[in-house]
Amino acid sequence: MRRHKKLSVRPSEADISEMEIICHRGVSNVFLENSLSAFRALATHSGTWVEFDVHATLDDVLVVYHDFDLARLTITKDDRL
């Protein structure tokens, strides 16, 4: 098991160079979360890893989407979505 170095309040340049940056849903503060644009932006935003969620729809199609329903990012009132 890999141990992570504890960082001081203000990390040194050496600490920063060893950091691995995990971008949840891509660079989602700039691009639409879980979009190809958000994932591709990691190359220019110093992301080391990307973490995303995959769900199966009712007809067994895999989709990259964070939530279990569409309510947060859509205006639908359909409970099936």
Protein backbone atom coordinates (compact mmCIF):
# COMPACT_ATOMS: atom_id res chain seq x y z
CA MET A 1 0.00 0.00 0.00
CA ARG A 2 1.35 3.39 -1.00
CA ARG A 3 1.62 5.95 1.77
CA HIS A 4 0.86 9.58 1.02
CA LYS A 5 3.15 12.26 2.34
CA LYS A 6 1.47 14.65 4.77
CA LEU A 7 1.67 18.18 3.45
CA SER A 8 2.25 21.35 5.39
CA VAL A 9 -0.32 24.12 5.17
CA ARG A 10 1.70 25.66 2.34
CA PRO A 11 3.23 22.84 0.24
CA SER A 12 6.77 23.17 -1.03
CA GLU A 13 7.66 23.01 -4.73
CA ALA A 14 8.88 19.44 -4.14
CA ASP A 15 5.53 18.49 -2.60
CA ILE A 16 3.64 20.04 -5.52
CA SER A 17 5.73 18.22 -8.11
CA GLU A 18 4.83 14.88 -6.45
CA MET A 19 1.08 15.56 -6.25
CA GLU A 20 -1.38 13.54 -8.29
CA ILE A 21 -4.45 15.57 -9.19
CA ILE A 22 -7.68 13.61 -9.55
CA CYS A 23 -10.38 15.52 -11.41
CA HIS A 24 -13.86 14.33 -10.50
CA ARG A 25 -16.06 14.50 -13.63
CA GLY A 26 -13.17 16.04 -15.59
CA VAL A 27 -12.42 19.76 -15.43
CA SER A 28 -16.03 20.34 -14.46
CA ASN A 29 -15.57 23.84 -13.09
CA VAL A 30 -14.83 25.03 -16.65
CA PHE A 31 -16.59 22.52 -18.92
CA LEU A 32 -19.83 20.57 -18.73
CA GLU A 33 -19.19 17.75 -16.25
CA ASN A 34 -18.48 14.30 -17.70
CA SER A 35 -18.18 15.69 -21.23
CA LEU A 36 -15.36 14.86 -23.63
CA SER A 37 -14.31 18.52 -23.39
CA ALA A 38 -14.00 18.22 -19.60
CA PHE A 39 -11.92 15.04 -19.94
CA ARG A 40 -9.68 16.41 -22.71
CA ALA A 41 -9.02 19.58 -20.71
CA LEU A 42 -7.06 17.54 -18.16
CA ALA A 43 -4.06 17.76 -20.48
CA THR A 44 -3.95 21.56 -20.15
CA HIS A 45 -5.17 21.82 -16.55
CA SER A 46 -2.55 19.56 -14.92
CA GLY A 47 -4.91 16.72 -14.12
CA THR A 48 -3.20 13.38 -13.46
CA TRP A 49 -6.33 11.21 -13.29
CA VAL A 50 -10.00 11.50 -14.10
CA GLU A 51 -12.73 9.87 -12.04
CA PHE A 52 -16.24 9.44 -13.41
CA ASP A 53 -19.37 7.40 -12.82
CA VAL A 54 -20.91 4.94 -15.28
CA HIS A 55 -24.57 3.90 -15.05
CA ALA A 56 -26.76 1.62 -17.15
CA THR A 57 -30.02 2.99 -18.50
CA LEU A 58 -33.24 0.97 -18.36
CA ASP A 59 -32.45 -0.38 -21.84
CA ASP A 60 -28.90 -1.38 -20.75
CA VAL A 61 -26.99 1.43 -22.45
CA LEU A 62 -23.97 2.58 -20.46
CA VAL A 63 -23.76 6.33 -19.83
CA VAL A 64 -21.23 8.52 -18.04
CA TYR A 65 -23.30 10.49 -15.57
CA HIS A 66 -22.73 11.37 -11.92
CA ASP A 67 -26.25 11.13 -10.50
CA PHE A 68 -28.77 8.28 -10.47
CA ASP A 69 -31.38 10.48 -12.16
CA LEU A 70 -31.48 13.55 -14.43
CA ALA A 71 -33.11 15.94 -11.95
CA ARG A 72 -30.03 18.02 -11.04
CA LEU A 73 -29.03 18.90 -14.60
CA THR A 74 -32.39 18.93 -16.37
CA ILE A 75 -35.85 20.38 -15.87
CA THR A 76 -37.74 17.10 -16.35
CA LYS A 77 -40.42 16.04 -13.89
CA ASP A 78 -40.54 12.46 -15.19
CA ASP A 79 -39.72 10.11 -12.27
CA ARG A 80 -38.43 7.45 -14.69
CA LEU A 81 -35.51 9.65 -15.73
